[in-house]
Amino acid sequence: MKITPDIIRQEFIGSQSRVTSSSHSDYVGISGKLIDETRSTFTILHLGRAKKVVKSSSVFNFTFADGTIVEIDGKLLAGRPEDRLKKTVKRLW
């Protein structure tokens, strides 16, 4: 998978995810399959239980089907999933 700023337009439901850092210390380390997404939260299936994680206060690692691991700041993912298609991100490289 080619990593570009357009990665925020990707569908994340069904991918493996992990919270790598967060302002809320209880979120750090939650990992598992992403099962739902709302405007401001991700629901991750962690150890058989659904855990809701606030997007804007966390940084996530996503593992896609081809084995690519991407770290994304949740602030870039905040908003409704269907509105991310319209969002643009300035390239930093």
Protein backbone atom coordinates (compact mmCIF):
# COMPACT_ATOMS: atom_id res chain seq x y z
CA MET A 1 0.00 0.00 0.00
CA LYS A 2 1.33 3.42 -0.92
CA ILE A 3 1.25 5.80 2.04
CA THR A 4 0.06 9.30 1.12
CA PRO A 5 -1.95 12.01 2.88
CA ASP A 6 -5.01 10.44 1.24
CA ILE A 7 -4.76 7.61 3.78
CA ILE A 8 -7.33 9.45 5.93
CA ARG A 9 -9.91 8.66 3.23
CA GLN A 10 -9.40 4.95 3.83
CA GLU A 11 -12.06 2.70 5.36
CA PHE A 12 -10.81 1.72 8.82
CA ILE A 13 -13.62 -0.58 9.97
CA GLY A 14 -12.33 -4.14 9.96
CA SER A 15 -8.67 -3.23 10.29
CA GLN A 16 -6.48 -4.04 13.29
CA SER A 17 -5.87 -0.97 15.42
CA ARG A 18 -3.88 0.01 18.48
CA VAL A 19 -3.91 3.15 20.61
CA THR A 20 -0.26 4.18 20.93
CA SER A 21 -0.70 7.41 22.89
CA SER A 22 -3.54 9.39 24.37
CA SER A 23 -4.21 12.18 26.82
CA HIS A 24 -6.45 9.66 28.61
CA SER A 25 -4.01 7.10 30.05
CA ASP A 26 -6.57 4.25 30.17
CA TYR A 27 -6.84 4.26 26.35
CA VAL A 28 -3.14 3.52 25.77
CA GLY A 29 -2.59 -0.11 24.80
CA ILE A 30 -6.14 -0.87 23.65
CA SER A 31 -5.79 -2.98 20.54
CA GLY A 32 -7.95 -5.19 18.39
CA LYS A 33 -10.31 -5.12 15.46
CA LEU A 34 -12.05 -1.83 14.72
CA ILE A 35 -15.76 -2.64 14.69
CA ASP A 36 -17.50 0.76 14.56
CA GLU A 37 -16.83 4.42 13.94
CA THR A 38 -18.83 7.52 14.82
CA ARG A 39 -18.12 11.22 14.46
CA SER A 40 -15.88 11.36 17.51
CA THR A 41 -15.13 7.75 18.56
CA PHE A 42 -13.77 4.43 17.38
CA THR A 43 -15.12 1.20 18.88
CA ILE A 44 -12.40 -1.43 19.18
CA LEU A 45 -13.00 -5.09 20.06
CA HIS A 46 -10.39 -5.55 22.82
CA LEU A 47 -10.17 -8.91 24.63
CA GLY A 48 -13.76 -9.78 23.69
CA ARG A 49 -15.21 -6.45 24.89
CA ALA A 50 -16.11 -3.35 22.89
CA LYS A 51 -14.09 -0.31 24.00
CA LYS A 52 -14.88 3.22 22.80
CA VAL A 53 -11.90 5.50 22.23
CA VAL A 54 -12.17 9.24 21.56
CA LYS A 55 -10.46 10.06 18.25
CA SER A 56 -9.29 13.61 18.92
CA SER A 57 -7.27 12.76 22.04
CA SER A 58 -5.48 9.66 20.70
CA VAL A 59 -2.88 8.46 18.21
CA PHE A 60 -3.62 5.17 16.44
CA ASN A 61 -1.61 2.47 14.65
CA PHE A 62 -3.62 0.74 11.92
CA THR A 63 -2.57 -2.55 10.33
CA PHE A 64 -4.11 -3.10 6.91
CA ALA A 65 -4.70 -6.40 5.10
CA ASP A 66 -1.39 -6.22 3.20
CA GLY A 67 0.59 -5.86 6.45
CA THR A 68 1.20 -2.11 6.19
CA ILE A 69 1.26 -0.36 9.58
CA VAL A 70 0.37 3.34 9.64
CA GLU A 71 0.37 5.73 12.60
CA ILE A 72 -2.29 8.44 12.36
CA ASP A 73 -3.19 11.23 14.77
CA GLY A 74 -6.85 10.96 15.67
CA LYS A 75 -7.36 14.69 15.15
CA LEU A 76 -7.07 14.06 11.40
CA LEU A 77 -9.78 11.39 11.63
CA ALA A 78 -12.26 13.42 13.70
CA GLY A 79 -15.58 13.92 11.96
CA ARG A 80 -18.08 11.69 10.24
CA PRO A 81 -16.53 8.93 8.14
CA GLU A 82 -18.39 10.05 5.02
CA ASP A 83 -17.08 13.64 5.43
CA ARG A 84 -13.45 12.47 5.40
CA LEU A 85 -13.77 11.95 1.65
CA LYS A 86 -14.09 15.72 1.24
CA LYS A 87 -11.25 16.58 3.62
CA THR A 88 -7.85 17.59 2.26
CA VAL A 89 -4.51 17.45 4.08
CA LYS A 90 -1.46 19.49 3.19
CA ARG A 91 1.58 17.41 2.33
CA LEU A 92 4.43 17.75 4.76
CA TRP A 93 7.00 16.18 2.46
